[in-house]
Amino acid sequence: MAMTRTTFTLDEALAERARRLNVNISAAAREGVAAAVKRAMGEADRAAYQRFPEQPDSFWDEAEAWGTP
């Protein structure tokens, strides 16, 4: 997997606590961004579904019957 460098701002007290607890800030940031992206993708998917909800489609009635003699 290719990586890219990113700079972000972190509250000084939180950064100090993370250091004292041996929290890998880079790994925690990656996990947080991955979780935020997953959540945003889910929200976008739900919004798209709400804009264009599934509708009955008679084409699939026949398609499901293909295997029936």
PDB file of N, CA and C in Angstrom:
ATOM      1  N   MET A   1       0.852  -1.168   0.000  1.00  0.00           N
ATOM      2  CA  MET A   1       0.000   0.000   0.000  1.00  0.00           C
ATOM      3  C   MET A   1       0.900   1.234   0.000  1.00  0.00           C
ATOM      4  N   ALA A   2       0.613   2.174  -0.891  1.00  0.00           N
ATOM      5  CA  ALA A   2       1.369   3.421  -0.954  1.00  0.00           C
ATOM      6  C   ALA A   2       0.909   4.344   0.171  1.00  0.00           C
ATOM      7  N   MET A   3       1.844   5.074   0.726  1.00  0.00           N
ATOM      8  CA  MET A   3       1.525   6.002   1.819  1.00  0.00           C
ATOM      9  C   MET A   3       1.808   7.424   1.358  1.00  0.00           C
ATOM     10  N   THR A   4       1.132   8.375   1.971  1.00  0.00           N
ATOM     11  CA  THR A   4       1.392   9.784   1.724  1.00  0.00           C
ATOM     12  C   THR A   4       1.563  10.487   3.064  1.00  0.00           C
ATOM     13  N   ARG A   5       2.401  11.497   3.082  1.00  0.00           N
ATOM     14  CA  ARG A   5       2.599  12.262   4.316  1.00  0.00           C
ATOM     15  C   ARG A   5       1.507  13.304   4.444  1.00  0.00           C
ATOM     16  N   THR A   6       1.018  13.472   5.649  1.00  0.00           N
ATOM     17  CA  THR A   6      -0.013  14.464   5.931  1.00  0.00           C
ATOM     18  C   THR A   6       0.314  15.120   7.263  1.00  0.00           C
ATOM     19  N   THR A   7       0.069  16.398   7.341  1.00  0.00           N
ATOM     20  CA  THR A   7       0.282  17.126   8.586  1.00  0.00           C
ATOM     21  C   THR A   7      -1.079  17.510   9.150  1.00  0.00           C
ATOM     22  N   PHE A   8      -1.247  17.360  10.452  1.00  0.00           N
ATOM     23  CA  PHE A   8      -2.491  17.778  11.079  1.00  0.00           C
ATOM     24  C   PHE A   8      -2.172  18.384  12.434  1.00  0.00           C
ATOM     25  N   THR A   9      -3.118  19.110  12.965  1.00  0.00           N
ATOM     26  CA  THR A   9      -2.952  19.779  14.250  1.00  0.00           C
ATOM     27  C   THR A   9      -3.641  18.958  15.326  1.00  0.00           C
ATOM     28  N   LEU A  10      -2.948  18.799  16.444  1.00  0.00           N
ATOM     29  CA  LEU A  10      -3.466  18.005  17.550  1.00  0.00           C
ATOM     30  C   LEU A  10      -3.337  18.826  18.825  1.00  0.00           C
ATOM     31  N   ASP A  11      -4.359  18.805  19.639  1.00  0.00           N
ATOM     32  CA  ASP A  11      -4.335  19.505  20.914  1.00  0.00           C
ATOM     33  C   ASP A  11      -3.094  19.073  21.701  1.00  0.00           C
ATOM     34  N   GLU A  12      -2.371  20.029  22.244  1.00  0.00           N
ATOM     35  CA  GLU A  12      -1.109  19.753  22.933  1.00  0.00           C
ATOM     36  C   GLU A  12      -1.278  18.788  24.107  1.00  0.00           C
ATOM     37  N   ALA A  13      -2.317  18.982  24.902  1.00  0.00           N
ATOM     38  CA  ALA A  13      -2.539  18.104  26.056  1.00  0.00           C
ATOM     39  C   ALA A  13      -2.852  16.679  25.606  1.00  0.00           C
ATOM     40  N   LEU A  14      -3.626  16.555  24.543  1.00  0.00           N
ATOM     41  CA  LEU A  14      -3.955  15.228  24.025  1.00  0.00           C
ATOM     42  C   LEU A  14      -2.707  14.541  23.475  1.00  0.00           C
ATOM     43  N   ALA A  15      -1.879  15.295  22.775  1.00  0.00           N
ATOM     44  CA  ALA A  15      -0.636  14.734  22.243  1.00  0.00           C
ATOM     45  C   ALA A  15       0.266  14.260  23.383  1.00  0.00           C
ATOM     46  N   GLU A  16       0.346  15.031  24.445  1.00  0.00           N
ATOM     47  CA  GLU A  16       1.180  14.644  25.593  1.00  0.00           C
ATOM     48  C   GLU A  16       0.637  13.381  26.258  1.00  0.00           C
ATOM     49  N   ARG A  17      -0.675  13.295  26.420  1.00  0.00           N
ATOM     50  CA  ARG A  17      -1.269  12.079  26.999  1.00  0.00           C
ATOM     51  C   ARG A  17      -0.973  10.868  26.130  1.00  0.00           C
ATOM     52  N   ALA A  18      -1.097  11.050  24.835  1.00  0.00           N
ATOM     53  CA  ALA A  18      -0.823   9.947  23.908  1.00  0.00           C
ATOM     54  C   ALA A  18       0.625   9.485  24.053  1.00  0.00           C
ATOM     55  N   ARG A  19       1.553  10.422  24.145  1.00  0.00           N
ATOM     56  CA  ARG A  19       2.972  10.055  24.317  1.00  0.00           C
ATOM     57  C   ARG A  19       3.183   9.289  25.620  1.00  0.00           C
ATOM     58  N   ARG A  20       2.578   9.790  26.707  1.00  0.00           N
ATOM     59  CA  ARG A  20       2.743   9.121  28.004  1.00  0.00           C
ATOM     60  C   ARG A  20       2.169   7.712  27.996  1.00  0.00           C
ATOM     61  N   LEU A  21       1.126   7.500  27.238  1.00  0.00           N
ATOM     62  CA  LEU A  21       0.481   6.185  27.173  1.00  0.00           C
ATOM     63  C   LEU A  21       1.033   5.317  26.036  1.00  0.00           C
ATOM     64  N   ASN A  22       2.093   5.811  25.394  1.00  0.00           N
ATOM     65  CA  ASN A  22       2.720   5.087  24.272  1.00  0.00           C
ATOM     66  C   ASN A  22       1.743   4.801  23.136  1.00  0.00           C
ATOM     67  N   VAL A  23       0.847   5.746  22.878  1.00  0.00           N
ATOM     68  CA  VAL A  23      -0.076   5.619  21.749  1.00  0.00           C
ATOM     69  C   VAL A  23       0.672   6.034  20.486  1.00  0.00           C
ATOM     70  N   ASN A  24       0.635   5.192  19.474  1.00  0.00           N
ATOM     71  CA  ASN A  24       1.238   5.516  18.187  1.00  0.00           C
ATOM     72  C   ASN A  24       0.294   6.495  17.490  1.00  0.00           C
ATOM     73  N   ILE A  25       0.679   7.765  17.468  1.00  0.00           N
ATOM     74  CA  ILE A  25      -0.202   8.806  16.945  1.00  0.00           C
ATOM     75  C   ILE A  25      -0.466   8.608  15.457  1.00  0.00           C
ATOM     76  N   SER A  26       0.535   8.192  14.700  1.00  0.00           N
ATOM     77  CA  SER A  26       0.327   7.954  13.264  1.00  0.00           C
ATOM     78  C   SER A  26      -0.687   6.845  13.036  1.00  0.00           C
ATOM     79  N   ALA A  27      -0.542   5.748  13.777  1.00  0.00           N
ATOM     80  CA  ALA A  27      -1.482   4.629  13.628  1.00  0.00           C
ATOM     81  C   ALA A  27      -2.880   5.048  14.066  1.00  0.00           C
ATOM     82  N   ALA A  28      -2.960   5.793  15.162  1.00  0.00           N
ATOM     83  CA  ALA A  28      -4.268   6.248  15.640  1.00  0.00           C
ATOM     84  C   ALA A  28      -4.920   7.179  14.618  1.00  0.00           C
ATOM     85  N   ALA A  29      -4.122   8.042  13.999  1.00  0.00           N
ATOM     86  CA  ALA A  29      -4.655   8.944  12.976  1.00  0.00           C
ATOM     87  C   ALA A  29      -5.147   8.148  11.772  1.00  0.00           C
ATOM     88  N   ARG A  30      -4.367   7.151  11.339  1.00  0.00           N
ATOM     89  CA  ARG A  30      -4.800   6.310  10.209  1.00  0.00           C
ATOM     90  C   ARG A  30      -6.120   5.621  10.527  1.00  0.00           C
ATOM     91  N   GLU A  31      -6.220   5.054  11.734  1.00  0.00           N
ATOM     92  CA  GLU A  31      -7.454   4.366  12.137  1.00  0.00           C
ATOM     93  C   GLU A  31      -8.632   5.341  12.174  1.00  0.00           C
ATOM     94  N   GLY A  32      -8.388   6.531  12.696  1.00  0.00           N
ATOM     95  CA  GLY A  32      -9.452   7.535  12.773  1.00  0.00           C
ATOM     96  C   GLY A  32      -9.912   7.999  11.403  1.00  0.00           C
ATOM     97  N   VAL A  33      -8.966   8.225  10.499  1.00  0.00           N
ATOM     98  CA  VAL A  33      -9.333   8.648   9.143  1.00  0.00           C
ATOM     99  C   VAL A  33     -10.064   7.522   8.426  1.00  0.00           C
ATOM    100  N   ALA A  34      -9.596   6.285   8.591  1.00  0.00           N
ATOM    101  CA  ALA A  34     -10.271   5.143   7.958  1.00  0.00           C
ATOM    102  C   ALA A  34     -11.707   5.024   8.461  1.00  0.00           C
ATOM    103  N   ALA A  35     -11.911   5.196   9.753  1.00  0.00           N
ATOM    104  CA  ALA A  35     -13.258   5.124  10.325  1.00  0.00           C
ATOM    105  C   ALA A  35     -14.129   6.268   9.805  1.00  0.00           C
ATOM    106  N   ALA A  36     -13.556   7.466   9.694  1.00  0.00           N
ATOM    107  CA  ALA A  36     -14.314   8.616   9.197  1.00  0.00           C
ATOM    108  C   ALA A  36     -14.698   8.422   7.734  1.00  0.00           C
ATOM    109  N   VAL A  37     -13.796   7.862   6.936  1.00  0.00           N
ATOM    110  CA  VAL A  37     -14.094   7.601   5.523  1.00  0.00           C
ATOM    111  C   VAL A  37     -15.190   6.552   5.405  1.00  0.00           C
ATOM    112  N   LYS A  38     -15.096   5.483   6.190  1.00  0.00           N
ATOM    113  CA  LYS A  38     -16.121   4.432   6.157  1.00  0.00           C
ATOM    114  C   LYS A  38     -17.487   5.008   6.527  1.00  0.00           C
ATOM    115  N   ARG A  39     -17.511   5.834   7.569  1.00  0.00           N
ATOM    116  CA  ARG A  39     -18.765   6.454   8.008  1.00  0.00           C
ATOM    117  C   ARG A  39     -19.315   7.382   6.918  1.00  0.00           C
ATOM    118  N   ALA A  40     -18.451   8.197   6.296  1.00  0.00           N
ATOM    119  CA  ALA A  40     -18.884   9.127   5.248  1.00  0.00           C
ATOM    120  C   ALA A  40     -19.407   8.375   4.028  1.00  0.00           C
ATOM    121  N   MET A  41     -18.770   7.250   3.690  1.00  0.00           N
ATOM    122  CA  MET A  41     -19.247   6.448   2.563  1.00  0.00           C
ATOM    123  C   MET A  41     -20.629   5.876   2.856  1.00  0.00           C
ATOM    124  N   GLY A  42     -20.841   5.414   4.072  1.00  0.00           N
ATOM    125  CA  GLY A  42     -22.154   4.901   4.460  1.00  0.00           C
ATOM    126  C   GLY A  42     -23.218   5.982   4.407  1.00  0.00           C
ATOM    127  N   GLU A  43     -22.866   7.175   4.894  1.00  0.00           N
ATOM    128  CA  GLU A  43     -23.815   8.289   4.860  1.00  0.00           C
ATOM    129  C   GLU A  43     -24.141   8.678   3.423  1.00  0.00           C
ATOM    130  N   ALA A  44     -23.124   8.695   2.548  1.00  0.00           N
ATOM    131  CA  ALA A  44     -23.348   9.026   1.138  1.00  0.00           C
ATOM    132  C   ALA A  44     -24.227   7.973   0.477  1.00  0.00           C
ATOM    133  N   ASP A  45     -23.997   6.708   0.817  1.00  0.00           N
ATOM    134  CA  ASP A  45     -24.798   5.625   0.256  1.00  0.00           C
ATOM    135  C   ASP A  45     -26.255   5.751   0.695  1.00  0.00           C
ATOM    136  N   ARG A  46     -26.461   6.022   1.990  1.00  0.00           N
ATOM    137  CA  ARG A  46     -27.828   6.190   2.492  1.00  0.00           C
ATOM    138  C   ARG A  46     -28.518   7.387   1.835  1.00  0.00           C
ATOM    139  N   ALA A  47     -27.781   8.485   1.668  1.00  0.00           N
ATOM    140  CA  ALA A  47     -28.359   9.678   1.036  1.00  0.00           C
ATOM    141  C   ALA A  47     -28.739   9.382  -0.414  1.00  0.00           C
ATOM    142  N   ALA A  48     -27.890   8.653  -1.128  1.00  0.00           N
ATOM    143  CA  ALA A  48     -28.200   8.292  -2.517  1.00  0.00           C
ATOM    144  C   ALA A  48     -29.428   7.399  -2.567  1.00  0.00           C
ATOM    145  N   TYR A  49     -29.520   6.462  -1.640  1.00  0.00           N
ATOM    146  CA  TYR A  49     -30.686   5.573  -1.608  1.00  0.00           C
ATOM    147  C   TYR A  49     -31.958   6.369  -1.328  1.00  0.00           C
ATOM    148  N   GLN A  50     -31.863   7.356  -0.451  1.00  0.00           N
ATOM    149  CA  GLN A  50     -33.042   8.170  -0.142  1.00  0.00           C
ATOM    150  C   GLN A  50     -33.454   9.020  -1.346  1.00  0.00           C
ATOM    151  N   ARG A  51     -32.460   9.488  -2.118  1.00  0.00           N
ATOM    152  CA  ARG A  51     -32.784  10.260  -3.320  1.00  0.00           C
ATOM    153  C   ARG A  51     -33.380   9.374  -4.407  1.00  0.00           C
ATOM    154  N   PHE A  52     -32.876   8.142  -4.504  1.00  0.00           N
ATOM    155  CA  PHE A  52     -33.311   7.214  -5.549  1.00  0.00           C
ATOM    156  C   PHE A  52     -33.653   5.861  -4.930  1.00  0.00           C
ATOM    157  N   PRO A  53     -34.771   5.768  -4.199  1.00  0.00           N
ATOM    158  CA  PRO A  53     -35.108   4.497  -3.542  1.00  0.00           C
ATOM    159  C   PRO A  53     -35.414   3.408  -4.573  1.00  0.00           C
ATOM    160  N   GLU A  54     -35.262   2.170  -4.144  1.00  0.00           N
ATOM    161  CA  GLU A  54     -35.564   1.049  -5.028  1.00  0.00           C
ATOM    162  C   GLU A  54     -37.037   1.083  -5.410  1.00  0.00           C
ATOM    163  N   GLN A  55     -37.293   0.735  -6.645  1.00  0.00           N
ATOM    164  CA  GLN A  55     -38.657   0.680  -7.159  1.00  0.00           C
ATOM    165  C   GLN A  55     -38.889  -0.712  -7.731  1.00  0.00           C
ATOM    166  N   PRO A  56     -40.106  -1.198  -7.695  1.00  0.00           N
ATOM    167  CA  PRO A  56     -40.390  -2.479  -8.338  1.00  0.00           C
ATOM    168  C   PRO A  56     -40.023  -2.401  -9.823  1.00  0.00           C
ATOM    169  N   ASP A  57     -39.455  -3.464 -10.354  1.00  0.00           N
ATOM    170  CA  ASP A  57     -39.032  -3.505 -11.754  1.00  0.00           C
ATOM    171  C   ASP A  57     -39.490  -4.829 -12.339  1.00  0.00           C
ATOM    172  N   SER A  58     -40.437  -4.777 -13.248  1.00  0.00           N
ATOM    173  CA  SER A  58     -41.011  -6.006 -13.797  1.00  0.00           C
ATOM    174  C   SER A  58     -39.980  -6.839 -14.555  1.00  0.00           C
ATOM    175  N   PHE A  59     -38.888  -6.234 -15.014  1.00  0.00           N
ATOM    176  CA  PHE A  59     -37.839  -6.997 -15.698  1.00  0.00           C
ATOM    177  C   PHE A  59     -37.347  -8.146 -14.826  1.00  0.00           C
ATOM    178  N   TRP A  60     -37.169  -7.885 -13.542  1.00  0.00           N
ATOM    179  CA  TRP A  60     -36.614  -8.900 -12.650  1.00  0.00           C
ATOM    180  C   TRP A  60     -37.595 -10.033 -12.379  1.00  0.00           C
ATOM    181  N   ASP A  61     -38.886  -9.795 -12.550  1.00  0.00           N
ATOM    182  CA  ASP A  61     -39.851 -10.888 -12.396  1.00  0.00           C
ATOM    183  C   ASP A  61     -39.549 -11.985 -13.410  1.00  0.00           C
ATOM    184  N   GLU A  62     -39.288 -11.595 -14.650  1.00  0.00           N
ATOM    185  CA  GLU A  62     -38.952 -12.571 -15.682  1.00  0.00           C
ATOM    186  C   GLU A  62     -37.556 -13.138 -15.468  1.00  0.00           C
ATOM    187  N   ALA A  63     -36.624 -12.325 -15.066  1.00  0.00           N
ATOM    188  CA  ALA A  63     -35.245 -12.785 -14.877  1.00  0.00           C
ATOM    189  C   ALA A  63     -35.182 -13.868 -13.808  1.00  0.00           C
ATOM    190  N   GLU A  64     -35.967 -13.748 -12.756  1.00  0.00           N
ATOM    191  CA  GLU A  64     -35.965 -14.746 -11.696  1.00  0.00           C
ATOM    192  C   GLU A  64     -36.610 -16.051 -12.149  1.00  0.00           C
ATOM    193  N   ALA A  65     -37.411 -16.007 -13.209  1.00  0.00           N
ATOM    194  CA  ALA A  65     -38.119 -17.193 -13.681  1.00  0.00           C
ATOM    195  C   ALA A  65     -37.330 -17.964 -14.734  1.00  0.00           C
ATOM    196  N   TRP A  66     -36.128 -17.503 -15.121  1.00  0.00           N
ATOM    197  CA  TRP A  66     -35.363 -18.159 -16.178  1.00  0.00           C
ATOM    198  C   TRP A  66     -35.099 -19.628 -15.872  1.00  0.00           C
ATOM    199  N   GLY A  67     -34.813 -19.962 -14.638  1.00  0.00           N
ATOM    200  CA  GLY A  67     -34.479 -21.344 -14.299  1.00  0.00           C
ATOM    201  C   GLY A  67     -35.698 -22.231 -14.116  1.00  0.00           C
ATOM    202  N   THR A  68     -36.880 -21.667 -14.187  1.00  0.00           N
ATOM    203  CA  THR A  68     -38.112 -22.433 -13.968  1.00  0.00           C
ATOM    204  C   THR A  68     -38.584 -23.051 -15.287  1.00  0.00           C
ATOM    205  N   PRO A  69     -38.920 -24.363 -15.293  1.00  0.00           N
ATOM    206  CA  PRO A  69     -39.385 -24.988 -16.547  1.00  0.00           C
ATOM    207  C   PRO A  69     -40.736 -24.474 -16.987  1.00  0.00           C
TER     208      PRO A  69
END
